[in-house]
Amino acid sequence: MVGALRAADGRRGPVPGLAAAYAEATLDVTVTKDPRAVRPRVRGAARATPAVTVEGEATRVVVTRGSTTATGVRTPVLLLVRPDWLGILPSTRLRVTGRLAPPTYDGDRIAAVVRVRHGPPQVLGQPTGLQKAAARLRAGLREATDGLAPDARALLPGLVVGDTSRIPPDLDEAFHTTDLTHLLAVSGDNIFQTDVSAHRTSEEPWLASCLVKAGEPAP
């Protein structure tokens, strides 16, 4: 029920209609999740160009159809971008231009997929200090879990610090279908508190190892 209400709320405003018309627009977007590489599709003997997806919330959409119209919105979108966008952190504010398209599934939580024009991201606002600190912590935890089985390697960073970058699309969709995404939604504030409780150590791999071992003291 909660998931359905969120999906309905995300379809308000002009973005879904623009996606249905495959229109081109410029959007201001706040990144809400870590970018994630997607497996390129094979077309005949050729392999498609590797791509990265970035989930975010569109806060403004500008459309030019004879005249320019700018509208404030709060709409979940999925950006389809190039691999050099992988380093973007949640809370970063971007301006993107691209062609919109409807999501693959009718029940998708995303209101539109935006195939962004080639080029580097246009950054309007840098990520918060908490997100920068969280990124260091997530990097340490990824390093500490490299030797685990694939599912554990993907899920553990998500459950501990909200790092979903290794979770494959099918598993991510399963979490949304069962309305369990709150298990992966760890806020920057919670991560900051975790960092403080670990005495603000700068040795992220050591801290990640402690988290993996459920708080065992460092040797």
N, C-alpha and C. Protein backbone atom coordinates (compact mmCIF):
# COMPACT_ATOMS: atom_id res chain seq x y z
N MET A 1 0.83 -1.20 0.00
CA MET A 1 0.00 0.00 0.00
C MET A 1 0.87 1.25 0.00
N VAL A 2 1.89 1.28 0.89
CA VAL A 2 2.76 2.45 0.96
C VAL A 2 3.48 2.65 -0.36
N GLY A 3 3.97 1.53 -0.94
CA GLY A 3 4.68 1.63 -2.21
C GLY A 3 3.78 2.16 -3.31
N ALA A 4 2.50 1.75 -3.32
CA ALA A 4 1.57 2.21 -4.34
C ALA A 4 1.30 3.71 -4.20
N LEU A 5 1.18 4.18 -2.95
CA LEU A 5 0.95 5.61 -2.72
C LEU A 5 2.13 6.43 -3.18
N ARG A 6 3.34 5.94 -2.91
CA ARG A 6 4.54 6.66 -3.35
C ARG A 6 4.60 6.73 -4.87
N ALA A 7 4.26 5.61 -5.53
CA ALA A 7 4.29 5.58 -6.99
C ALA A 7 3.29 6.56 -7.57
N ALA A 8 2.08 6.62 -6.98
CA ALA A 8 1.06 7.54 -7.47
C ALA A 8 1.49 8.98 -7.28
N ASP A 9 2.10 9.29 -6.13
CA ASP A 9 2.56 10.65 -5.87
C ASP A 9 3.65 11.06 -6.86
N GLY A 10 4.50 10.11 -7.24
CA GLY A 10 5.58 10.41 -8.16
C GLY A 10 5.13 10.67 -9.58
N ARG A 11 3.87 10.37 -9.88
CA ARG A 11 3.35 10.57 -11.23
C ARG A 11 2.57 11.87 -11.37
N ARG A 12 2.62 12.72 -10.37
CA ARG A 12 2.00 14.03 -10.48
C ARG A 12 2.92 14.97 -11.24
N GLY A 13 2.35 16.02 -11.83
CA GLY A 13 3.16 17.01 -12.53
C GLY A 13 3.40 16.65 -13.99
N PRO A 14 4.22 17.43 -14.68
CA PRO A 14 4.37 17.29 -16.13
C PRO A 14 5.31 16.18 -16.59
N VAL A 15 6.16 15.67 -15.71
CA VAL A 15 7.21 14.74 -16.14
C VAL A 15 6.65 13.45 -16.77
N PRO A 16 5.65 12.78 -16.16
CA PRO A 16 5.13 11.56 -16.80
C PRO A 16 4.59 11.80 -18.21
N GLY A 17 3.91 12.93 -18.40
CA GLY A 17 3.39 13.25 -19.73
C GLY A 17 4.49 13.50 -20.74
N LEU A 18 5.55 14.17 -20.31
CA LEU A 18 6.70 14.39 -21.19
C LEU A 18 7.36 13.06 -21.55
N ALA A 19 7.42 12.15 -20.58
CA ALA A 19 8.00 10.84 -20.85
C ALA A 19 7.15 10.06 -21.85
N ALA A 20 5.84 10.13 -21.70
CA ALA A 20 4.94 9.43 -22.62
C ALA A 20 5.08 9.95 -24.05
N ALA A 21 5.43 11.24 -24.18
CA ALA A 21 5.60 11.85 -25.50
C ALA A 21 7.04 11.76 -26.00
N TYR A 22 7.92 11.14 -25.22
CA TYR A 22 9.34 11.03 -25.56
C TYR A 22 9.92 12.42 -25.88
N ALA A 23 9.56 13.37 -25.03
CA ALA A 23 9.98 14.76 -25.24
C ALA A 23 11.38 14.98 -24.69
N GLU A 24 12.01 16.05 -25.15
CA GLU A 24 13.31 16.45 -24.63
C GLU A 24 13.11 17.59 -23.64
N ALA A 25 13.86 17.56 -22.55
CA ALA A 25 13.71 18.58 -21.52
C ALA A 25 15.01 18.73 -20.75
N THR A 26 15.09 19.83 -20.01
CA THR A 26 16.20 20.06 -19.09
C THR A 26 15.66 19.96 -17.67
N LEU A 27 16.33 19.18 -16.84
CA LEU A 27 15.84 18.95 -15.48
C LEU A 27 16.94 19.26 -14.46
N ASP A 28 16.53 19.85 -13.34
CA ASP A 28 17.39 19.93 -12.17
C ASP A 28 17.06 18.71 -11.31
N VAL A 29 18.09 17.95 -10.96
CA VAL A 29 17.89 16.67 -10.28
C VAL A 29 18.80 16.57 -9.07
N THR A 30 18.24 16.15 -7.95
CA THR A 30 19.04 15.85 -6.76
C THR A 30 19.25 14.34 -6.70
N VAL A 31 20.50 13.91 -6.69
CA VAL A 31 20.82 12.49 -6.68
C VAL A 31 20.39 11.88 -5.35
N THR A 32 19.69 10.75 -5.41
CA THR A 32 19.19 10.11 -4.19
C THR A 32 19.86 8.77 -3.89
N LYS A 33 20.57 8.20 -4.88
CA LYS A 33 21.25 6.92 -4.67
C LYS A 33 22.60 6.93 -5.36
N ASP A 34 23.46 6.01 -4.95
CA ASP A 34 24.75 5.88 -5.62
C ASP A 34 24.54 5.44 -7.07
N PRO A 35 25.30 5.99 -8.01
CA PRO A 35 25.24 5.52 -9.40
C PRO A 35 25.56 4.03 -9.46
N ARG A 36 24.98 3.37 -10.46
CA ARG A 36 25.19 1.92 -10.57
C ARG A 36 25.42 1.55 -12.02
N ALA A 37 26.47 0.78 -12.27
CA ALA A 37 26.76 0.31 -13.63
C ALA A 37 25.75 -0.77 -14.00
N VAL A 38 25.30 -0.73 -15.24
CA VAL A 38 24.36 -1.74 -15.73
C VAL A 38 25.05 -2.58 -16.79
N ARG A 39 24.62 -3.82 -16.88
CA ARG A 39 25.22 -4.76 -17.82
C ARG A 39 24.83 -4.37 -19.24
N PRO A 40 25.80 -4.13 -20.13
CA PRO A 40 25.46 -3.73 -21.50
C PRO A 40 24.78 -4.87 -22.26
N ARG A 41 23.80 -4.51 -23.07
CA ARG A 41 23.10 -5.50 -23.88
C ARG A 41 23.91 -5.81 -25.14
N VAL A 42 23.77 -7.04 -25.61
CA VAL A 42 24.45 -7.47 -26.83
C VAL A 42 23.46 -7.42 -27.98
N ARG A 43 23.82 -6.71 -29.04
CA ARG A 43 22.96 -6.61 -30.22
C ARG A 43 23.68 -7.28 -31.38
N GLY A 44 23.27 -8.51 -31.67
CA GLY A 44 23.95 -9.26 -32.72
C GLY A 44 25.38 -9.55 -32.29
N ALA A 45 26.33 -9.14 -33.14
CA ALA A 45 27.74 -9.35 -32.81
C ALA A 45 28.32 -8.15 -32.07
N ALA A 46 27.51 -7.11 -31.88
CA ALA A 46 28.02 -5.89 -31.24
C ALA A 46 27.49 -5.78 -29.82
N ARG A 47 28.32 -5.24 -28.95
CA ARG A 47 27.93 -5.00 -27.56
C ARG A 47 27.64 -3.52 -27.39
N ALA A 48 26.51 -3.22 -26.75
CA ALA A 48 26.13 -1.83 -26.54
C ALA A 48 27.14 -1.13 -25.62
N THR A 49 27.20 0.19 -25.73
CA THR A 49 28.11 0.98 -24.90
C THR A 49 27.74 0.83 -23.43
N PRO A 50 28.72 0.57 -22.54
CA PRO A 50 28.41 0.47 -21.11
C PRO A 50 27.71 1.72 -20.61
N ALA A 51 26.80 1.53 -19.68
CA ALA A 51 26.02 2.67 -19.18
C ALA A 51 25.94 2.61 -17.66
N VAL A 52 25.53 3.73 -17.09
CA VAL A 52 25.37 3.86 -15.65
C VAL A 52 23.99 4.47 -15.40
N THR A 53 23.31 3.99 -14.37
CA THR A 53 22.03 4.57 -13.98
C THR A 53 22.20 5.35 -12.68
N VAL A 54 21.49 6.47 -12.60
CA VAL A 54 21.53 7.33 -11.42
C VAL A 54 20.09 7.66 -11.04
N GLU A 55 19.67 7.27 -9.85
CA GLU A 55 18.33 7.63 -9.38
C GLU A 55 18.38 8.99 -8.72
N GLY A 56 17.33 9.76 -8.94
CA GLY A 56 17.27 11.09 -8.35
C GLY A 56 15.86 11.63 -8.32
N GLU A 57 15.72 12.80 -7.72
CA GLU A 57 14.44 13.48 -7.67
C GLU A 57 14.54 14.76 -8.49
N ALA A 58 13.74 14.84 -9.55
CA ALA A 58 13.69 16.06 -10.35
C ALA A 58 12.97 17.14 -9.55
N THR A 59 13.58 18.32 -9.46
CA THR A 59 12.98 19.42 -8.71
C THR A 59 12.54 20.57 -9.62
N ARG A 60 12.98 20.52 -10.88
CA ARG A 60 12.60 21.57 -11.83
C ARG A 60 12.74 21.00 -13.23
N VAL A 61 11.76 21.28 -14.08
CA VAL A 61 11.81 20.81 -15.46
C VAL A 61 11.55 21.99 -16.39
N VAL A 62 12.38 22.11 -17.41
CA VAL A 62 12.27 23.20 -18.38
C VAL A 62 12.05 22.60 -19.76
N VAL A 63 10.98 23.03 -20.42
CA VAL A 63 10.63 22.54 -21.74
C VAL A 63 10.49 23.72 -22.69
N THR A 64 11.03 23.58 -23.88
CA THR A 64 10.91 24.63 -24.90
C THR A 64 10.06 24.10 -26.04
N ARG A 65 8.87 24.65 -26.17
CA ARG A 65 7.97 24.32 -27.28
C ARG A 65 7.39 25.63 -27.81
N GLY A 66 8.17 26.30 -28.62
CA GLY A 66 7.79 27.64 -29.04
C GLY A 66 8.20 28.64 -27.99
N SER A 67 7.73 28.45 -26.76
CA SER A 67 8.15 29.27 -25.63
C SER A 67 8.72 28.35 -24.55
N THR A 68 9.50 28.92 -23.66
CA THR A 68 10.14 28.13 -22.61
C THR A 68 9.29 28.13 -21.35
N THR A 69 9.04 26.94 -20.82
CA THR A 69 8.24 26.80 -19.60
C THR A 69 9.06 26.07 -18.54
N ALA A 70 9.16 26.68 -17.36
CA ALA A 70 9.87 26.06 -16.24
C ALA A 70 8.86 25.74 -15.14
N THR A 71 8.92 24.53 -14.61
CA THR A 71 7.96 24.08 -13.61
C THR A 71 8.70 23.42 -12.45
N GLY A 72 8.35 23.80 -11.23
CA GLY A 72 8.89 23.13 -10.05
C GLY A 72 8.18 21.81 -9.83
N VAL A 73 8.92 20.76 -9.58
CA VAL A 73 8.34 19.43 -9.41
C VAL A 73 9.06 18.70 -8.28
N ARG A 74 8.53 17.56 -7.91
CA ARG A 74 9.20 16.61 -7.02
C ARG A 74 8.88 15.22 -7.55
N THR A 75 9.67 14.80 -8.53
CA THR A 75 9.35 13.60 -9.29
C THR A 75 10.56 12.68 -9.36
N PRO A 76 10.40 11.40 -9.02
CA PRO A 76 11.52 10.45 -9.11
C PRO A 76 11.84 10.11 -10.56
N VAL A 77 13.11 10.20 -10.92
CA VAL A 77 13.54 9.90 -12.28
C VAL A 77 14.77 9.00 -12.23
N LEU A 78 15.04 8.37 -13.36
CA LEU A 78 16.22 7.53 -13.51
C LEU A 78 17.03 8.09 -14.67
N LEU A 79 18.26 8.49 -14.39
CA LEU A 79 19.14 9.03 -15.43
C LEU A 79 19.97 7.90 -16.03
N LEU A 80 20.04 7.87 -17.33
CA LEU A 80 20.90 6.91 -18.04
C LEU A 80 22.08 7.70 -18.59
N VAL A 81 23.27 7.43 -18.04
CA VAL A 81 24.44 8.27 -18.32
C VAL A 81 25.64 7.39 -18.67
N ARG A 82 26.77 8.05 -18.90
CA ARG A 82 27.99 7.34 -19.26
C ARG A 82 28.76 6.92 -18.00
N PRO A 83 29.71 5.97 -18.15
CA PRO A 83 30.44 5.46 -16.98
C PRO A 83 31.21 6.50 -16.19
N ASP A 84 31.57 7.64 -16.81
CA ASP A 84 32.36 8.63 -16.07
C ASP A 84 31.53 9.38 -15.03
N TRP A 85 30.24 9.04 -14.89
CA TRP A 85 29.39 9.63 -13.86
C TRP A 85 29.39 8.78 -12.57
N LEU A 86 30.13 7.69 -12.54
CA LEU A 86 30.06 6.76 -11.41
C LEU A 86 30.45 7.39 -10.08
N GLY A 87 31.27 8.42 -10.09
CA GLY A 87 31.75 9.00 -8.84
C GLY A 87 30.81 9.98 -8.19
N ILE A 88 29.64 10.23 -8.78
CA ILE A 88 28.71 11.21 -8.22
C ILE A 88 28.10 10.68 -6.93
N LEU A 89 28.01 11.53 -5.91
CA LEU A 89 27.49 11.12 -4.61
C LEU A 89 26.04 11.55 -4.43
N PRO A 90 25.27 10.80 -3.63
CA PRO A 90 23.93 11.24 -3.26
C PRO A 90 23.96 12.64 -2.65
N SER A 91 22.90 13.39 -2.87
CA SER A 91 22.69 14.78 -2.44
C SER A 91 23.30 15.79 -3.40
N THR A 92 24.09 15.33 -4.40
CA THR A 92 24.61 16.24 -5.42
C THR A 92 23.45 16.75 -6.27
N ARG A 93 23.45 18.04 -6.57
CA ARG A 93 22.41 18.62 -7.43
C ARG A 93 22.98 18.82 -8.83
N LEU A 94 22.25 18.30 -9.82
CA LEU A 94 22.71 18.31 -11.20
C LEU A 94 21.69 19.00 -12.10
N ARG A 95 22.18 19.47 -13.24
CA ARG A 95 21.29 19.92 -14.32
C ARG A 95 21.59 19.06 -15.53
N VAL A 96 20.57 18.40 -16.05
CA VAL A 96 20.76 17.48 -17.17
C VAL A 96 19.77 17.81 -18.27
N THR A 97 20.18 17.52 -19.50
CA THR A 97 19.30 17.66 -20.65
C THR A 97 19.28 16.34 -21.39
N GLY A 98 18.10 15.89 -21.75
CA GLY A 98 18.01 14.62 -22.45
C GLY A 98 16.59 14.32 -22.87
N ARG A 99 16.44 13.16 -23.49
CA ARG A 99 15.11 12.72 -23.95
C ARG A 99 14.49 11.82 -22.89
N LEU A 100 13.25 12.11 -22.55
CA LEU A 100 12.54 11.34 -21.53
C LEU A 100 11.81 10.17 -22.18
N ALA A 101 11.63 9.11 -21.40
CA ALA A 101 10.89 7.93 -21.85
C ALA A 101 10.16 7.34 -20.66
N PRO A 102 9.06 6.62 -20.90
CA PRO A 102 8.34 5.99 -19.79
C PRO A 102 9.18 4.88 -19.17
N PRO A 103 8.92 4.56 -17.90
CA PRO A 103 9.61 3.42 -17.27
C PRO A 103 9.19 2.12 -17.94
N THR A 104 9.99 1.08 -17.72
CA THR A 104 9.73 -0.21 -18.37
C THR A 104 8.43 -0.84 -17.90
N TYR A 105 8.15 -0.72 -16.58
CA TYR A 105 6.97 -1.37 -16.02
C TYR A 105 5.97 -0.32 -15.54
N ASP A 106 4.67 -0.64 -15.69
CA ASP A 106 3.62 0.30 -15.28
C ASP A 106 3.70 0.62 -13.79
N GLY A 107 4.09 -0.38 -12.99
CA GLY A 107 4.14 -0.17 -11.54
C GLY A 107 5.47 0.36 -11.05
N ASP A 108 6.34 0.76 -11.97
CA ASP A 108 7.66 1.24 -11.58
C ASP A 108 7.55 2.49 -10.71
N ARG A 109 8.43 2.58 -9.71
CA ARG A 109 8.43 3.76 -8.83
C ARG A 109 8.97 4.99 -9.52
N ILE A 110 9.67 4.79 -10.66
CA ILE A 110 10.26 5.89 -11.41
C ILE A 110 9.22 6.46 -12.38
N ALA A 111 9.12 7.78 -12.45
CA ALA A 111 8.14 8.40 -13.35
C ALA A 111 8.66 8.54 -14.77
N ALA A 112 9.99 8.59 -14.93
CA ALA A 112 10.56 8.76 -16.27
C ALA A 112 12.01 8.32 -16.27
N VAL A 113 12.44 7.81 -17.41
CA VAL A 113 13.85 7.52 -17.66
C VAL A 113 14.38 8.63 -18.55
N VAL A 114 15.52 9.20 -18.17
CA VAL A 114 16.09 10.30 -18.93
C VAL A 114 17.41 9.85 -19.54
N ARG A 115 17.44 9.77 -20.87
CA ARG A 115 18.69 9.45 -21.55
C ARG A 115 19.46 10.75 -21.73
N VAL A 116 20.44 10.96 -20.87
CA VAL A 116 21.13 12.24 -20.79
C VAL A 116 22.10 12.39 -21.96
N ARG A 117 22.16 13.59 -22.50
CA ARG A 117 23.11 13.88 -23.58
C ARG A 117 24.54 13.62 -23.11
N HIS A 118 25.39 13.26 -24.05
CA HIS A 118 26.78 12.97 -23.71
C HIS A 118 27.46 14.21 -23.14
N GLY A 119 28.45 13.96 -22.32
CA GLY A 119 29.21 15.05 -21.72
C GLY A 119 29.29 14.89 -20.22
N PRO A 120 30.17 15.65 -19.58
CA PRO A 120 30.30 15.55 -18.12
C PRO A 120 29.08 16.13 -17.42
N PRO A 121 28.83 15.72 -16.18
CA PRO A 121 27.67 16.25 -15.45
C PRO A 121 27.83 17.73 -15.15
N GLN A 122 26.73 18.46 -15.23
CA GLN A 122 26.72 19.87 -14.85
C GLN A 122 26.26 19.95 -13.40
N VAL A 123 27.18 20.25 -12.51
CA VAL A 123 26.91 20.22 -11.07
C VAL A 123 26.43 21.59 -10.60
N LEU A 124 25.24 21.62 -10.00
CA LEU A 124 24.68 22.85 -9.44
C LEU A 124 25.02 22.99 -7.96
N GLY A 125 25.15 21.86 -7.28
CA GLY A 125 25.43 21.89 -5.84
C GLY A 125 26.21 20.65 -5.44
N GLN A 126 27.25 20.84 -4.63
CA GLN A 126 28.09 19.73 -4.20
C GLN A 126 27.37 18.87 -3.15
N PRO A 127 27.80 17.62 -2.99
CA PRO A 127 27.20 16.77 -1.95
C PRO A 127 27.48 17.33 -0.56
N THR A 128 26.66 16.94 0.38
CA THR A 128 26.83 17.41 1.75
C THR A 128 28.08 16.80 2.37
N GLY A 129 28.56 17.43 3.44
CA GLY A 129 29.72 16.90 4.15
C GLY A 129 29.46 15.51 4.69
N LEU A 130 28.23 15.26 5.14
CA LEU A 130 27.89 13.94 5.66
C LEU A 130 27.98 12.89 4.56
N GLN A 131 27.54 13.24 3.35
CA GLN A 131 27.61 12.28 2.26
C GLN A 131 29.06 12.02 1.85
N LYS A 132 29.92 13.02 1.93
CA LYS A 132 31.33 12.80 1.63
C LYS A 132 31.96 11.85 2.65
N ALA A 133 31.62 12.06 3.93
CA ALA A 133 32.13 11.16 4.97
C ALA A 133 31.57 9.76 4.77
N ALA A 134 30.28 9.68 4.41
CA ALA A 134 29.66 8.39 4.18
C ALA A 134 30.32 7.66 3.02
N ALA A 135 30.74 8.41 1.99
CA ALA A 135 31.39 7.79 0.83
C ALA A 135 32.70 7.12 1.24
N ARG A 136 33.45 7.76 2.14
CA ARG A 136 34.69 7.15 2.60
C ARG A 136 34.41 5.87 3.39
N LEU A 137 33.37 5.91 4.20
CA LEU A 137 33.00 4.73 4.98
C LEU A 137 32.54 3.60 4.06
N ARG A 138 31.73 3.94 3.05
CA ARG A 138 31.24 2.92 2.13
C ARG A 138 32.39 2.28 1.36
N ALA A 139 33.36 3.10 0.96
CA ALA A 139 34.51 2.57 0.23
C ALA A 139 35.28 1.57 1.09
N GLY A 140 35.43 1.88 2.37
CA GLY A 140 36.11 0.95 3.27
C GLY A 140 35.36 -0.34 3.44
N LEU A 141 34.03 -0.25 3.53
CA LEU A 141 33.23 -1.45 3.70
C LEU A 141 33.24 -2.31 2.44
N ARG A 142 33.23 -1.67 1.27
CA ARG A 142 33.33 -2.44 0.03
C ARG A 142 34.64 -3.21 -0.02
N GLU A 143 35.72 -2.55 0.41
CA GLU A 143 37.03 -3.22 0.42
C GLU A 143 37.02 -4.41 1.37
N ALA A 144 36.38 -4.24 2.52
CA ALA A 144 36.37 -5.31 3.53
C ALA A 144 35.50 -6.49 3.11
N THR A 145 34.53 -6.27 2.21
CA THR A 145 33.62 -7.35 1.81
C THR A 145 33.97 -7.96 0.46
N ASP A 146 35.09 -7.58 -0.12
CA ASP A 146 35.45 -8.07 -1.45
C ASP A 146 35.54 -9.59 -1.52
N GLY A 147 35.91 -10.24 -0.43
CA GLY A 147 36.09 -11.68 -0.46
C GLY A 147 34.84 -12.49 -0.18
N LEU A 148 33.70 -11.83 0.04
CA LEU A 148 32.47 -12.55 0.35
C LEU A 148 31.78 -13.07 -0.90
N ALA A 149 30.79 -13.94 -0.71
CA ALA A 149 29.98 -14.44 -1.82
C ALA A 149 29.23 -13.27 -2.46
N PRO A 150 28.85 -13.39 -3.75
CA PRO A 150 28.25 -12.25 -4.47
C PRO A 150 27.06 -11.61 -3.77
N ASP A 151 26.11 -12.41 -3.27
CA ASP A 151 24.93 -11.82 -2.64
C ASP A 151 25.30 -11.07 -1.36
N ALA A 152 26.16 -11.67 -0.56
CA ALA A 152 26.58 -11.01 0.68
C ALA A 152 27.39 -9.76 0.37
N ARG A 153 28.24 -9.85 -0.65
CA ARG A 153 29.06 -8.69 -1.03
C ARG A 153 28.18 -7.53 -1.49
N ALA A 154 27.03 -7.84 -2.11
CA ALA A 154 26.11 -6.80 -2.57
C ALA A 154 25.25 -6.26 -1.44
N LEU A 155 24.75 -7.16 -0.58
CA LEU A 155 23.76 -6.76 0.42
C LEU A 155 24.36 -6.12 1.67
N LEU A 156 25.50 -6.62 2.13
CA LEU A 156 26.03 -6.14 3.41
C LEU A 156 26.29 -4.63 3.43
N PRO A 157 26.95 -4.06 2.41
CA PRO A 157 27.13 -2.61 2.43
C PRO A 157 25.79 -1.86 2.42
N GLY A 158 24.78 -2.42 1.74
CA GLY A 158 23.48 -1.77 1.70
C GLY A 158 22.79 -1.79 3.05
N LEU A 159 22.87 -2.91 3.75
CA LEU A 159 22.21 -3.03 5.04
C LEU A 159 22.92 -2.24 6.13
N VAL A 160 24.25 -2.12 6.02
CA VAL A 160 25.02 -1.45 7.07
C VAL A 160 25.09 0.05 6.86
N VAL A 161 25.42 0.48 5.64
CA VAL A 161 25.61 1.92 5.41
C VAL A 161 24.82 2.46 4.22
N GLY A 162 23.85 1.69 3.71
CA GLY A 162 23.02 2.21 2.63
C GLY A 162 23.69 2.26 1.28
N ASP A 163 24.81 1.53 1.10
CA ASP A 163 25.52 1.53 -0.18
C ASP A 163 24.91 0.46 -1.08
N THR A 164 24.12 0.89 -2.08
CA THR A 164 23.43 -0.05 -2.96
C THR A 164 24.12 -0.20 -4.31
N SER A 165 25.35 0.28 -4.43
CA SER A 165 26.01 0.30 -5.73
C SER A 165 26.28 -1.09 -6.30
N ARG A 166 26.34 -2.12 -5.43
CA ARG A 166 26.62 -3.47 -5.91
C ARG A 166 25.36 -4.33 -6.04
N ILE A 167 24.22 -3.80 -5.67
CA ILE A 167 22.99 -4.59 -5.73
C ILE A 167 22.49 -4.65 -7.17
N PRO A 168 22.31 -5.85 -7.74
CA PRO A 168 21.86 -5.96 -9.13
C PRO A 168 20.42 -5.49 -9.28
N PRO A 169 20.03 -5.09 -10.50
CA PRO A 169 18.68 -4.55 -10.71
C PRO A 169 17.56 -5.49 -10.27
N ASP A 170 17.71 -6.81 -10.48
CA ASP A 170 16.62 -7.73 -10.12
C ASP A 170 16.43 -7.79 -8.60
N LEU A 171 17.53 -7.74 -7.85
CA LEU A 171 17.42 -7.76 -6.39
C LEU A 171 16.86 -6.43 -5.88
N ASP A 172 17.28 -5.34 -6.50
CA ASP A 172 16.75 -4.03 -6.12
C ASP A 172 15.25 -3.97 -6.35
N GLU A 173 14.80 -4.51 -7.48
CA GLU A 173 13.37 -4.51 -7.78
C GLU A 173 12.60 -5.36 -6.78
N ALA A 174 13.21 -6.47 -6.33
CA ALA A 174 12.56 -7.33 -5.34
C ALA A 174 12.36 -6.59 -4.02
N PHE A 175 13.34 -5.78 -3.62
CA PHE A 175 13.20 -4.99 -2.39
C PHE A 175 12.06 -3.99 -2.52
N HIS A 176 11.92 -3.36 -3.70
CA HIS A 176 10.84 -2.40 -3.88
C HIS A 176 9.48 -3.09 -3.96
N THR A 177 9.43 -4.24 -4.61
CA THR A 177 8.16 -4.97 -4.73
C THR A 177 7.63 -5.37 -3.36
N THR A 178 8.52 -5.77 -2.47
CA THR A 178 8.12 -6.19 -1.13
C THR A 178 8.12 -5.04 -0.12
N ASP A 179 8.38 -3.81 -0.62
CA ASP A 179 8.35 -2.61 0.22
C ASP A 179 9.34 -2.71 1.38
N LEU A 180 10.54 -3.22 1.09
CA LEU A 180 11.57 -3.38 2.12
C LEU A 180 12.76 -2.45 1.88
N THR A 181 12.57 -1.42 1.05
CA THR A 181 13.69 -0.55 0.73
C THR A 181 14.20 0.22 1.94
N HIS A 182 13.36 0.33 2.99
CA HIS A 182 13.82 1.05 4.19
C HIS A 182 15.02 0.35 4.83
N LEU A 183 15.18 -0.95 4.56
CA LEU A 183 16.33 -1.67 5.12
C LEU A 183 17.64 -1.19 4.51
N LEU A 184 17.55 -0.63 3.29
CA LEU A 184 18.75 -0.16 2.60
C LEU A 184 18.90 1.35 2.68
N ALA A 185 17.91 2.04 3.22
CA ALA A 185 17.91 3.50 3.23
C ALA A 185 18.51 4.02 4.53
N VAL A 186 19.81 4.06 4.60
CA VAL A 186 20.50 4.59 5.77
C VAL A 186 20.86 6.04 5.49
N SER A 187 20.44 6.94 6.35
CA SER A 187 20.69 8.36 6.10
C SER A 187 22.12 8.73 6.41
N GLY A 188 22.57 9.84 5.82
CA GLY A 188 23.91 10.33 6.10
C GLY A 188 24.12 10.62 7.57
N ASP A 189 23.05 11.05 8.25
CA ASP A 189 23.17 11.35 9.67
C ASP A 189 23.48 10.10 10.47
N ASN A 190 22.81 8.97 10.13
CA ASN A 190 23.09 7.72 10.83
C ASN A 190 24.51 7.26 10.57
N ILE A 191 24.96 7.42 9.32
CA ILE A 191 26.33 7.02 8.99
C ILE A 191 27.31 7.87 9.78
N PHE A 192 27.01 9.17 9.90
CA PHE A 192 27.89 10.06 10.64
C PHE A 192 27.98 9.63 12.10
N GLN A 193 26.83 9.24 12.69
CA GLN A 193 26.83 8.80 14.07
C GLN A 193 27.65 7.52 14.23
N THR A 194 27.57 6.63 13.22
CA THR A 194 28.38 5.41 13.25
C THR A 194 29.86 5.76 13.25
N ASP A 195 30.20 6.75 12.41
CA ASP A 195 31.59 7.18 12.31
C ASP A 195 32.07 7.75 13.64
N VAL A 196 31.21 8.56 14.30
CA VAL A 196 31.59 9.14 15.58
C VAL A 196 31.76 8.05 16.63
N SER A 197 30.87 7.07 16.63
CA SER A 197 30.96 6.00 17.62
C SER A 197 32.23 5.18 17.44
N ALA A 198 32.81 5.23 16.25
CA ALA A 198 34.07 4.52 15.99
C ALA A 198 35.26 5.45 16.21
N HIS A 199 35.05 6.52 16.99
CA HIS A 199 36.11 7.45 17.37
C HIS A 199 36.69 8.20 16.18
N ARG A 200 35.85 8.40 15.15
CA ARG A 200 36.24 9.20 14.00
C ARG A 200 37.56 8.73 13.39
N THR A 201 37.74 7.43 13.34
CA THR A 201 38.96 6.90 12.76
C THR A 201 39.07 7.28 11.29
N SER A 202 40.28 7.50 10.81
CA SER A 202 40.49 7.79 9.40
C SER A 202 40.86 6.53 8.63
N GLU A 203 40.91 5.39 9.32
CA GLU A 203 41.28 4.14 8.66
C GLU A 203 40.01 3.38 8.31
N GLU A 204 39.36 3.80 7.20
CA GLU A 204 38.07 3.23 6.85
C GLU A 204 38.08 1.72 6.67
N PRO A 205 39.12 1.11 6.04
CA PRO A 205 39.11 -0.35 5.93
C PRO A 205 39.05 -1.05 7.29
N TRP A 206 39.78 -0.49 8.29
CA TRP A 206 39.72 -1.07 9.63
C TRP A 206 38.33 -0.94 10.21
N LEU A 207 37.71 0.25 10.03
CA LEU A 207 36.36 0.47 10.55
C LEU A 207 35.38 -0.48 9.87
N ALA A 208 35.52 -0.65 8.56
CA ALA A 208 34.62 -1.55 7.84
C ALA A 208 34.77 -2.97 8.36
N SER A 209 36.01 -3.39 8.63
CA SER A 209 36.23 -4.73 9.15
C SER A 209 35.53 -4.91 10.49
N CYS A 210 35.57 -3.87 11.32
CA CYS A 210 34.89 -3.94 12.61
C CYS A 210 33.39 -4.09 12.43
N LEU A 211 32.83 -3.36 11.45
CA LEU A 211 31.40 -3.46 11.20
C LEU A 211 31.03 -4.85 10.71
N VAL A 212 31.86 -5.40 9.81
CA VAL A 212 31.59 -6.73 9.28
C VAL A 212 31.64 -7.77 10.39
N LYS A 213 32.53 -7.58 11.36
CA LYS A 213 32.69 -8.54 12.45
C LYS A 213 31.78 -8.21 13.63
N ALA A 214 30.76 -7.39 13.36
CA ALA A 214 29.75 -7.06 14.38
C ALA A 214 30.37 -6.43 15.61
N GLY A 215 31.34 -5.55 15.38
CA GLY A 215 31.86 -4.77 16.48
C GLY A 215 33.02 -5.38 17.22
N GLU A 216 33.66 -6.40 16.67
CA GLU A 216 34.83 -6.96 17.33
C GLU A 216 35.91 -5.89 17.43
N PRO A 217 36.65 -5.82 18.51
CA PRO A 217 37.70 -4.81 18.65
C PRO A 217 38.82 -5.06 17.66
N ALA A 218 39.47 -3.97 17.27
CA ALA A 218 40.60 -4.10 16.36
C ALA A 218 41.76 -4.78 17.06
N PRO A 219 42.57 -5.55 16.33
CA PRO A 219 43.70 -6.22 16.97
C PRO A 219 44.75 -5.21 17.40
